[in-house]
Amino acid sequence: MSRVVLSIGSNLGDRLAHLQSVVDGVGGAVRAVSPVYETDAWGGVEQGPFLNAVLVADDADLDCRGWLHRGQALERAADRVREVHWGPRTLDVDVVTCHDGVAEVTSDDPVLVLPHPHAHERAFVLVPWLAADPGATLTVAGTATPVAELLGRLDPAERAGVRRTDLALTH
């Protein structure tokens, strides 16, 4: 059994439909879905705003690498093209953290670093995650820290840049 937190985003095409494709692709394994937020693009590349959300899922048949492969397959199905690092994309699916049974998996494999090495710095991950799972924790520098605390450490302007929309994902 593995539990995963997936951060999903889209800023090309039908952004909401791309996010919904992840919820649909994960199917019955979905345990929680955040509201949908809009954020300005991050990373210094000129592009349109993103829709972002987080989902929490359980699957007895997938390990952490299996979740990575599922996310990549969903990106391919949305015609994701990787041309520019942090560039525009139809769909981005990031494995933020993965628990195998009760323990959080850590990995320094360059293919899948766990927990995600920058999640604690990104309001567009933390705000929706906190909405989906108010008791969530993330291990940063070897210490499990409440997501609410990590969010509180970010610049208020960055937190304010994550704007809740009236859009919703269904599961």
Protein backbone atom coordinates (compact mmCIF):
# COMPACT_ATOMS: atom_id res chain seq x y z
CA MET A 1 0.00 0.00 0.00
CA SER A 2 1.31 3.44 -0.87
CA ARG A 3 -0.12 6.87 -0.19
CA VAL A 4 0.96 9.67 -2.46
CA VAL A 5 0.56 13.43 -2.64
CA LEU A 6 0.46 14.68 -6.22
CA SER A 7 0.79 18.35 -7.14
CA ILE A 8 -0.84 19.02 -10.50
CA GLY A 9 -0.76 22.09 -12.70
CA SER A 10 -1.65 23.30 -16.18
CA ASN A 11 -1.28 26.54 -18.10
CA LEU A 12 -1.95 25.48 -21.69
CA GLY A 13 -5.15 24.42 -23.42
CA ASP A 14 -8.18 23.48 -21.35
CA ARG A 15 -6.41 23.80 -18.01
CA LEU A 16 -9.27 22.47 -15.89
CA ALA A 17 -9.79 19.47 -18.17
CA HIS A 18 -6.10 18.62 -17.91
CA LEU A 19 -6.29 18.67 -14.10
CA GLN A 20 -9.49 16.62 -14.17
CA SER A 21 -7.72 14.04 -16.35
CA VAL A 22 -5.40 13.31 -13.42
CA VAL A 23 -8.28 12.82 -10.99
CA ASP A 24 -9.98 10.56 -13.54
CA GLY A 25 -6.73 8.71 -14.28
CA VAL A 26 -6.11 7.99 -10.60
CA GLY A 27 -9.76 6.98 -10.24
CA GLY A 28 -10.88 5.12 -7.15
CA ALA A 29 -7.50 5.56 -5.49
CA VAL A 30 -8.23 9.27 -4.87
CA ARG A 31 -8.75 10.02 -1.17
CA ALA A 32 -8.79 13.83 -1.23
CA VAL A 33 -8.75 16.61 -3.82
CA SER A 34 -8.00 20.25 -3.09
CA PRO A 35 -9.90 23.19 -4.48
CA VAL A 36 -8.49 24.59 -7.72
CA TYR A 37 -6.18 27.61 -7.43
CA GLU A 38 -4.75 29.99 -10.01
CA THR A 39 -1.16 31.14 -9.73
CA ASP A 40 1.20 33.19 -11.81
CA ALA A 41 3.91 31.18 -13.52
CA TRP A 42 6.97 30.42 -11.41
CA GLY A 43 10.56 30.03 -12.55
CA GLY A 44 11.24 33.13 -14.64
CA VAL A 45 9.82 32.00 -18.00
CA GLU A 46 7.23 34.37 -19.54
CA GLN A 47 3.93 32.44 -19.79
CA GLY A 48 0.29 32.42 -18.75
CA PRO A 49 -1.06 31.60 -15.28
CA PHE A 50 -1.43 28.07 -13.98
CA LEU A 51 -4.34 26.24 -12.48
CA ASN A 52 -3.01 24.13 -9.59
CA ALA A 53 -4.42 21.50 -7.26
CA VAL A 54 -3.23 18.68 -5.03
CA LEU A 55 -4.63 15.23 -4.65
CA VAL A 56 -3.98 12.52 -2.11
CA ALA A 57 -4.33 8.91 -3.25
CA ASP A 58 -3.80 5.35 -1.99
CA ASP A 59 -3.04 2.31 -4.12
CA ALA A 60 -2.09 -1.14 -2.88
CA ASP A 61 -0.50 -2.00 -6.23
CA LEU A 62 1.72 1.04 -6.78
CA ASP A 63 5.00 1.97 -5.17
CA CYS A 64 6.48 5.47 -5.40
CA ARG A 65 8.13 4.82 -8.75
CA GLY A 66 4.81 3.45 -10.00
CA TRP A 67 3.18 6.77 -9.06
CA LEU A 68 5.91 8.59 -11.00
CA HIS A 69 5.21 6.44 -14.07
CA ARG A 70 1.46 6.99 -13.73
CA GLY A 71 1.99 10.75 -13.55
CA GLN A 72 4.27 10.70 -16.60
CA ALA A 73 1.70 8.65 -18.54
CA LEU A 74 -0.98 11.20 -17.68
CA GLU A 75 1.33 14.00 -18.84
CA ARG A 76 1.92 12.18 -22.15
CA ALA A 77 -1.83 11.65 -22.59
CA ALA A 78 -2.24 15.44 -22.24
CA ASP A 79 0.42 15.94 -24.95
CA ARG A 80 2.95 17.40 -22.53
CA VAL A 81 6.02 18.69 -24.35
CA ARG A 82 9.24 19.35 -22.43
CA GLU A 83 10.97 22.13 -24.34
CA VAL A 84 11.86 24.75 -21.72
CA HIS A 85 12.63 24.03 -18.05
CA TRP A 86 9.77 25.56 -16.02
CA GLY A 87 8.11 26.47 -19.33
CA PRO A 88 4.44 26.34 -20.28
CA ARG A 89 2.81 22.92 -20.17
CA THR A 90 -0.50 21.23 -20.72
CA LEU A 91 -0.01 19.17 -17.59
CA ASP A 92 2.54 18.81 -14.82
CA VAL A 93 2.21 15.97 -12.31
CA ASP A 94 4.73 16.00 -9.47
CA VAL A 95 5.09 13.35 -6.78
CA VAL A 96 5.49 15.51 -3.66
CA THR A 97 5.71 12.76 -1.09
CA CYS A 98 5.00 9.06 -0.92
CA HIS A 99 4.38 6.80 2.07
CA ASP A 100 4.92 3.07 1.81
CA GLY A 101 2.71 1.68 4.53
CA VAL A 102 3.22 4.09 7.42
CA ALA A 103 6.70 5.46 6.65
CA GLU A 104 7.49 8.40 4.39
CA VAL A 105 9.79 7.22 1.62
CA THR A 106 13.02 9.14 1.11
CA SER A 107 15.01 8.87 -2.08
CA ASP A 108 17.95 10.74 -3.57
CA ASP A 109 17.65 8.94 -6.90
CA PRO A 110 17.85 11.72 -9.52
CA VAL A 111 14.88 10.18 -11.34
CA LEU A 112 12.63 10.52 -8.26
CA VAL A 113 13.84 12.61 -5.33
CA LEU A 114 11.54 12.16 -2.32
CA PRO A 115 10.18 14.07 -0.69
CA HIS A 116 10.11 16.66 -3.49
CA PRO A 117 13.14 18.85 -2.74
CA HIS A 118 11.38 22.18 -3.35
CA ALA A 119 7.80 21.53 -2.24
CA HIS A 120 8.34 23.34 1.06
CA GLU A 121 9.32 26.50 -0.87
CA ARG A 122 6.27 26.62 -3.15
CA ALA A 123 3.01 28.15 -2.03
CA PHE A 124 1.29 26.71 -5.12
CA VAL A 125 1.97 23.26 -3.62
CA LEU A 126 1.47 23.98 0.08
CA VAL A 127 -1.78 25.99 -0.10
CA PRO A 128 -3.76 23.33 -2.00
CA TRP A 129 -2.13 20.52 -0.02
CA LEU A 130 -3.18 22.07 3.27
CA ALA A 131 -6.74 22.41 1.93
CA ALA A 132 -6.81 18.74 0.90
CA ASP A 133 -5.14 17.42 4.06
CA PRO A 134 -5.06 19.90 6.98
CA GLY A 135 -2.96 17.53 9.13
CA ALA A 136 -0.29 16.92 6.48
CA THR A 137 3.41 16.94 7.30
CA LEU A 138 6.44 17.08 5.04
CA THR A 139 9.96 16.04 5.94
CA VAL A 140 12.38 18.92 5.40
CA ALA A 141 16.04 18.59 6.41
CA GLY A 142 15.22 15.35 8.23
CA THR A 143 12.35 16.78 10.30
CA ALA A 144 8.66 16.09 9.74
CA THR A 145 7.08 19.54 9.75
CA PRO A 146 3.39 20.44 9.50
CA VAL A 147 2.52 21.83 6.08
CA ALA A 148 0.72 24.71 7.84
CA GLU A 149 4.01 25.67 9.51
CA LEU A 150 5.95 25.45 6.24
CA LEU A 151 3.36 27.66 4.58
CA GLY A 152 3.64 30.18 7.40
CA ARG A 153 7.38 30.50 6.71
CA LEU A 154 6.80 31.70 3.15
CA ASP A 155 6.63 35.33 2.14
CA PRO A 156 3.05 36.64 2.56
CA ALA A 157 3.08 37.92 -1.03
CA GLU A 158 3.85 34.42 -2.30
CA ARG A 159 0.99 32.95 -0.28
CA ALA A 160 -1.35 35.68 -1.54
CA GLY A 161 -0.38 34.79 -5.12
CA VAL A 162 -2.20 31.47 -4.79
CA ARG A 163 -5.77 32.48 -5.58
CA ARG A 164 -8.66 30.10 -4.96
CA THR A 165 -11.02 29.82 -7.92
CA ASP A 166 -14.66 28.78 -8.19
CA LEU A 167 -13.58 25.81 -10.32
CA ALA A 168 -13.74 22.30 -8.90
CA LEU A 169 -12.40 18.85 -9.68
CA THR A 170 -14.79 15.95 -9.23
CA HIS A 171 -14.03 12.44 -8.04
